[in-house]
Amino acid sequence: MSQSRALLLAVSAYVIWVLSDVCLKFGAQSGLPILVSMLLFGGVGVVYYPAAVFLKHRRLDLKPHCTREVLGISACSIGINFFNIIALARLPLTVFY
């Protein structure tokens, strides 16, 4: 991968991350319940990752290698999303970052 392509991917990932946080912030301010916000936020990843794997024809990447580690990562991700949603609802974006 060339440096210019890597830089473009890094900048685009950062922009998508910031836009998702802004959408999450507006969703938290709109009065949506926390669990609905978590469902919307986590549902994007649940749909995106398998779609990307199937488009690359690498279906074996979806098979977990160690179930215990996958469950631990999932539990941590749910906790992080929960606290991010609570923090974004109460803090301005500049303070959150």
N, C-alpha and C. Protein backbone atom coordinates (compact mmCIF):
# COMPACT_ATOMS: atom_id res chain seq x y z
N MET A 1 0.85 -1.17 0.00
CA MET A 1 0.00 0.00 0.00
C MET A 1 0.90 1.24 0.00
N SER A 2 0.57 2.17 -0.84
CA SER A 2 1.36 3.38 -0.92
C SER A 2 1.05 4.31 0.25
N GLN A 3 1.94 5.25 0.50
CA GLN A 3 1.74 6.19 1.60
C GLN A 3 0.53 7.09 1.37
N SER A 4 0.31 7.48 0.14
CA SER A 4 -0.83 8.36 -0.14
C SER A 4 -2.15 7.62 0.08
N ARG A 5 -2.19 6.35 -0.30
CA ARG A 5 -3.42 5.57 -0.07
C ARG A 5 -3.64 5.33 1.42
N ALA A 6 -2.57 5.03 2.15
CA ALA A 6 -2.70 4.84 3.60
C ALA A 6 -3.16 6.11 4.28
N LEU A 7 -2.63 7.25 3.85
CA LEU A 7 -3.05 8.52 4.42
C LEU A 7 -4.52 8.81 4.11
N LEU A 8 -4.94 8.52 2.90
CA LEU A 8 -6.33 8.72 2.51
C LEU A 8 -7.27 7.83 3.34
N LEU A 9 -6.87 6.58 3.54
CA LEU A 9 -7.69 5.68 4.36
C LEU A 9 -7.75 6.15 5.81
N ALA A 10 -6.63 6.62 6.36
CA ALA A 10 -6.62 7.10 7.73
C ALA A 10 -7.51 8.32 7.91
N VAL A 11 -7.43 9.26 6.98
CA VAL A 11 -8.24 10.47 7.07
C VAL A 11 -9.73 10.13 6.89
N SER A 12 -10.04 9.26 5.95
CA SER A 12 -11.45 8.90 5.75
C SER A 12 -12.01 8.14 6.95
N ALA A 13 -11.20 7.28 7.58
CA ALA A 13 -11.67 6.57 8.78
C ALA A 13 -11.93 7.56 9.91
N TYR A 14 -11.05 8.54 10.05
CA TYR A 14 -11.24 9.55 11.09
C TYR A 14 -12.51 10.36 10.85
N VAL A 15 -12.76 10.75 9.61
CA VAL A 15 -13.96 11.52 9.28
C VAL A 15 -15.22 10.70 9.56
N ILE A 16 -15.21 9.44 9.19
CA ILE A 16 -16.37 8.57 9.46
C ILE A 16 -16.58 8.42 10.96
N TRP A 17 -15.50 8.28 11.71
CA TRP A 17 -15.59 8.16 13.17
C TRP A 17 -16.20 9.41 13.79
N VAL A 18 -15.75 10.57 13.36
CA VAL A 18 -16.28 11.83 13.89
C VAL A 18 -17.75 11.98 13.51
N LEU A 19 -18.10 11.67 12.28
CA LEU A 19 -19.51 11.77 11.86
C LEU A 19 -20.40 10.81 12.65
N SER A 20 -19.90 9.62 12.93
CA SER A 20 -20.71 8.69 13.72
C SER A 20 -20.89 9.19 15.15
N ASP A 21 -19.85 9.81 15.72
CA ASP A 21 -20.00 10.39 17.06
C ASP A 21 -20.98 11.56 17.06
N VAL A 22 -20.95 12.37 16.02
CA VAL A 22 -21.90 13.48 15.92
C VAL A 22 -23.33 12.96 15.81
N CYS A 23 -23.52 11.94 14.99
CA CYS A 23 -24.87 11.34 14.87
C CYS A 23 -25.31 10.74 16.19
N LEU A 24 -24.38 10.11 16.89
CA LEU A 24 -24.70 9.55 18.19
C LEU A 24 -25.05 10.64 19.20
N LYS A 25 -24.34 11.76 19.12
CA LYS A 25 -24.63 12.89 20.00
C LYS A 25 -26.03 13.43 19.75
N PHE A 26 -26.39 13.62 18.48
CA PHE A 26 -27.73 14.11 18.17
C PHE A 26 -28.80 13.09 18.57
N GLY A 27 -28.49 11.82 18.41
CA GLY A 27 -29.44 10.78 18.83
C GLY A 27 -29.64 10.78 20.33
N ALA A 28 -28.56 11.01 21.09
CA ALA A 28 -28.67 11.04 22.54
C ALA A 28 -29.45 12.27 23.01
N GLN A 29 -29.29 13.39 22.30
CA GLN A 29 -30.02 14.60 22.66
C GLN A 29 -31.48 14.55 22.24
N SER A 30 -31.82 13.66 21.32
CA SER A 30 -33.20 13.61 20.84
C SER A 30 -34.14 12.90 21.80
N GLY A 31 -33.58 12.26 22.81
CA GLY A 31 -34.43 11.59 23.78
C GLY A 31 -34.61 10.11 23.53
N LEU A 32 -33.84 9.54 22.60
CA LEU A 32 -33.91 8.10 22.38
C LEU A 32 -33.42 7.36 23.62
N PRO A 33 -34.03 6.25 23.96
CA PRO A 33 -33.51 5.46 25.07
C PRO A 33 -32.09 4.97 24.77
N ILE A 34 -31.31 4.76 25.81
CA ILE A 34 -29.91 4.36 25.64
C ILE A 34 -29.79 3.05 24.88
N LEU A 35 -30.66 2.10 25.16
CA LEU A 35 -30.56 0.80 24.50
C LEU A 35 -30.86 0.89 23.00
N VAL A 36 -31.76 1.78 22.62
CA VAL A 36 -32.04 1.98 21.19
C VAL A 36 -30.84 2.60 20.50
N SER A 37 -30.20 3.57 21.17
CA SER A 37 -28.99 4.17 20.60
C SER A 37 -27.89 3.13 20.46
N MET A 38 -27.74 2.27 21.46
CA MET A 38 -26.73 1.20 21.38
C MET A 38 -27.05 0.24 20.25
N LEU A 39 -28.31 -0.06 20.06
CA LEU A 39 -28.71 -0.97 18.98
C LEU A 39 -28.38 -0.37 17.62
N LEU A 40 -28.67 0.90 17.44
CA LEU A 40 -28.36 1.55 16.17
C LEU A 40 -26.86 1.66 15.95
N PHE A 41 -26.12 2.02 16.99
CA PHE A 41 -24.68 2.19 16.89
C PHE A 41 -23.98 0.86 16.64
N GLY A 42 -24.35 -0.17 17.36
CA GLY A 42 -23.73 -1.48 17.19
C GLY A 42 -24.24 -2.22 15.97
N GLY A 43 -25.47 -1.92 15.55
CA GLY A 43 -26.04 -2.61 14.40
C GLY A 43 -25.32 -2.30 13.10
N VAL A 44 -24.74 -1.12 13.02
CA VAL A 44 -23.99 -0.77 11.81
C VAL A 44 -22.79 -1.70 11.65
N GLY A 45 -22.07 -1.94 12.73
CA GLY A 45 -20.93 -2.85 12.68
C GLY A 45 -21.33 -4.28 12.42
N VAL A 46 -22.45 -4.68 12.97
CA VAL A 46 -22.92 -6.05 12.77
C VAL A 46 -23.28 -6.29 11.31
N VAL A 47 -23.75 -5.28 10.63
CA VAL A 47 -24.09 -5.41 9.21
C VAL A 47 -22.86 -5.20 8.32
N TYR A 48 -22.01 -4.22 8.69
CA TYR A 48 -20.89 -3.86 7.83
C TYR A 48 -19.83 -4.96 7.74
N TYR A 49 -19.41 -5.50 8.88
CA TYR A 49 -18.29 -6.45 8.86
C TYR A 49 -18.60 -7.72 8.05
N PRO A 50 -19.74 -8.38 8.25
CA PRO A 50 -20.02 -9.55 7.40
C PRO A 50 -20.16 -9.19 5.93
N ALA A 51 -20.72 -8.01 5.63
CA ALA A 51 -20.84 -7.60 4.23
C ALA A 51 -19.46 -7.42 3.61
N ALA A 52 -18.54 -6.80 4.34
CA ALA A 52 -17.18 -6.61 3.83
C ALA A 52 -16.47 -7.94 3.63
N VAL A 53 -16.67 -8.87 4.55
CA VAL A 53 -16.03 -10.18 4.44
C VAL A 53 -16.57 -10.94 3.23
N PHE A 54 -17.87 -10.91 3.03
CA PHE A 54 -18.45 -11.63 1.89
C PHE A 54 -18.04 -10.99 0.56
N LEU A 55 -17.89 -9.67 0.53
CA LEU A 55 -17.46 -9.02 -0.71
C LEU A 55 -16.02 -9.35 -1.05
N LYS A 56 -15.20 -9.60 -0.05
CA LYS A 56 -13.80 -9.97 -0.28
C LYS A 56 -13.62 -11.48 -0.46
N HIS A 57 -14.71 -12.25 -0.36
CA HIS A 57 -14.70 -13.71 -0.50
C HIS A 57 -13.77 -14.37 0.52
N ARG A 58 -13.80 -13.90 1.76
CA ARG A 58 -12.99 -14.48 2.82
C ARG A 58 -13.91 -14.91 3.96
N ARG A 59 -14.80 -15.83 3.69
CA ARG A 59 -15.84 -16.22 4.65
C ARG A 59 -15.27 -16.86 5.91
N LEU A 60 -14.09 -17.44 5.82
CA LEU A 60 -13.51 -18.07 7.01
C LEU A 60 -13.08 -17.04 8.06
N ASP A 61 -13.00 -15.77 7.68
CA ASP A 61 -12.65 -14.73 8.65
C ASP A 61 -13.76 -14.53 9.68
N LEU A 62 -14.97 -14.97 9.38
CA LEU A 62 -16.09 -14.82 10.32
C LEU A 62 -16.08 -15.90 11.40
N LYS A 63 -15.34 -16.97 11.19
CA LYS A 63 -15.30 -18.06 12.16
C LYS A 63 -14.41 -17.66 13.33
N PRO A 64 -14.94 -17.64 14.57
CA PRO A 64 -14.11 -17.26 15.71
C PRO A 64 -13.07 -18.34 16.01
N HIS A 65 -11.86 -17.91 16.37
CA HIS A 65 -10.80 -18.85 16.68
C HIS A 65 -10.81 -19.24 18.15
N CYS A 66 -11.20 -18.32 19.00
CA CYS A 66 -11.27 -18.58 20.44
C CYS A 66 -12.53 -17.91 20.97
N THR A 67 -13.53 -18.71 21.28
CA THR A 67 -14.84 -18.19 21.68
C THR A 67 -14.75 -17.35 22.95
N ARG A 68 -13.94 -17.76 23.90
CA ARG A 68 -13.84 -17.02 25.17
C ARG A 68 -13.33 -15.59 24.92
N GLU A 69 -12.33 -15.45 24.07
CA GLU A 69 -11.80 -14.12 23.78
C GLU A 69 -12.81 -13.26 23.03
N VAL A 70 -13.54 -13.86 22.10
CA VAL A 70 -14.55 -13.13 21.35
C VAL A 70 -15.66 -12.64 22.28
N LEU A 71 -16.08 -13.47 23.22
CA LEU A 71 -17.10 -13.05 24.18
C LEU A 71 -16.59 -11.94 25.10
N GLY A 72 -15.33 -12.01 25.49
CA GLY A 72 -14.75 -10.95 26.32
C GLY A 72 -14.68 -9.62 25.58
N ILE A 73 -14.25 -9.67 24.33
CA ILE A 73 -14.18 -8.46 23.52
C ILE A 73 -15.58 -7.89 23.31
N SER A 74 -16.56 -8.76 23.09
CA SER A 74 -17.94 -8.31 22.89
C SER A 74 -18.48 -7.63 24.15
N ALA A 75 -18.20 -8.21 25.30
CA ALA A 75 -18.67 -7.61 26.55
C ALA A 75 -18.03 -6.24 26.78
N CYS A 76 -16.73 -6.13 26.50
CA CYS A 76 -16.05 -4.84 26.64
C CYS A 76 -16.61 -3.82 25.65
N SER A 77 -16.90 -4.24 24.45
CA SER A 77 -17.45 -3.34 23.44
C SER A 77 -18.82 -2.82 23.84
N ILE A 78 -19.65 -3.69 24.39
CA ILE A 78 -20.97 -3.26 24.85
C ILE A 78 -20.82 -2.24 25.98
N GLY A 79 -19.91 -2.49 26.92
CA GLY A 79 -19.69 -1.55 28.01
C GLY A 79 -19.18 -0.21 27.52
N ILE A 80 -18.24 -0.24 26.59
CA ILE A 80 -17.69 1.01 26.05
C ILE A 80 -18.77 1.79 25.32
N ASN A 81 -19.58 1.11 24.50
CA ASN A 81 -20.66 1.80 23.80
C ASN A 81 -21.65 2.42 24.78
N PHE A 82 -21.98 1.69 25.83
CA PHE A 82 -22.92 2.18 26.83
C PHE A 82 -22.40 3.46 27.47
N PHE A 83 -21.15 3.45 27.91
CA PHE A 83 -20.59 4.64 28.56
C PHE A 83 -20.36 5.78 27.59
N ASN A 84 -20.03 5.48 26.35
CA ASN A 84 -19.89 6.54 25.34
C ASN A 84 -21.22 7.24 25.11
N ILE A 85 -22.29 6.49 25.03
CA ILE A 85 -23.61 7.09 24.80
C ILE A 85 -24.01 7.96 25.98
N ILE A 86 -23.74 7.49 27.19
CA ILE A 86 -24.06 8.31 28.38
C ILE A 86 -23.21 9.58 28.38
N ALA A 87 -21.91 9.44 28.07
CA ALA A 87 -21.03 10.61 28.08
C ALA A 87 -21.40 11.60 26.97
N LEU A 88 -21.71 11.09 25.79
CA LEU A 88 -22.06 11.98 24.69
C LEU A 88 -23.36 12.73 24.94
N ALA A 89 -24.25 12.13 25.71
CA ALA A 89 -25.52 12.81 25.98
C ALA A 89 -25.32 13.98 26.93
N ARG A 90 -24.26 13.94 27.75
CA ARG A 90 -24.11 14.96 28.77
C ARG A 90 -22.94 15.92 28.54
N LEU A 91 -22.03 15.57 27.66
CA LEU A 91 -20.85 16.40 27.43
C LEU A 91 -20.87 16.99 26.03
N PRO A 92 -20.30 18.18 25.85
CA PRO A 92 -20.10 18.67 24.50
C PRO A 92 -19.05 17.81 23.79
N LEU A 93 -19.10 17.76 22.46
CA LEU A 93 -18.17 16.93 21.71
C LEU A 93 -16.73 17.30 21.95
N THR A 94 -16.44 18.60 22.08
CA THR A 94 -15.05 19.01 22.29
C THR A 94 -14.49 18.49 23.62
N VAL A 95 -15.31 18.47 24.65
CA VAL A 95 -14.87 17.94 25.95
C VAL A 95 -14.77 16.43 25.87
N PHE A 96 -15.67 15.78 25.16
CA PHE A 96 -15.66 14.33 25.04
C PHE A 96 -14.36 13.85 24.39
N TYR A 97 -13.90 14.57 23.37
CA TYR A 97 -12.67 14.17 22.71
C TYR A 97 -11.48 14.50 23.56
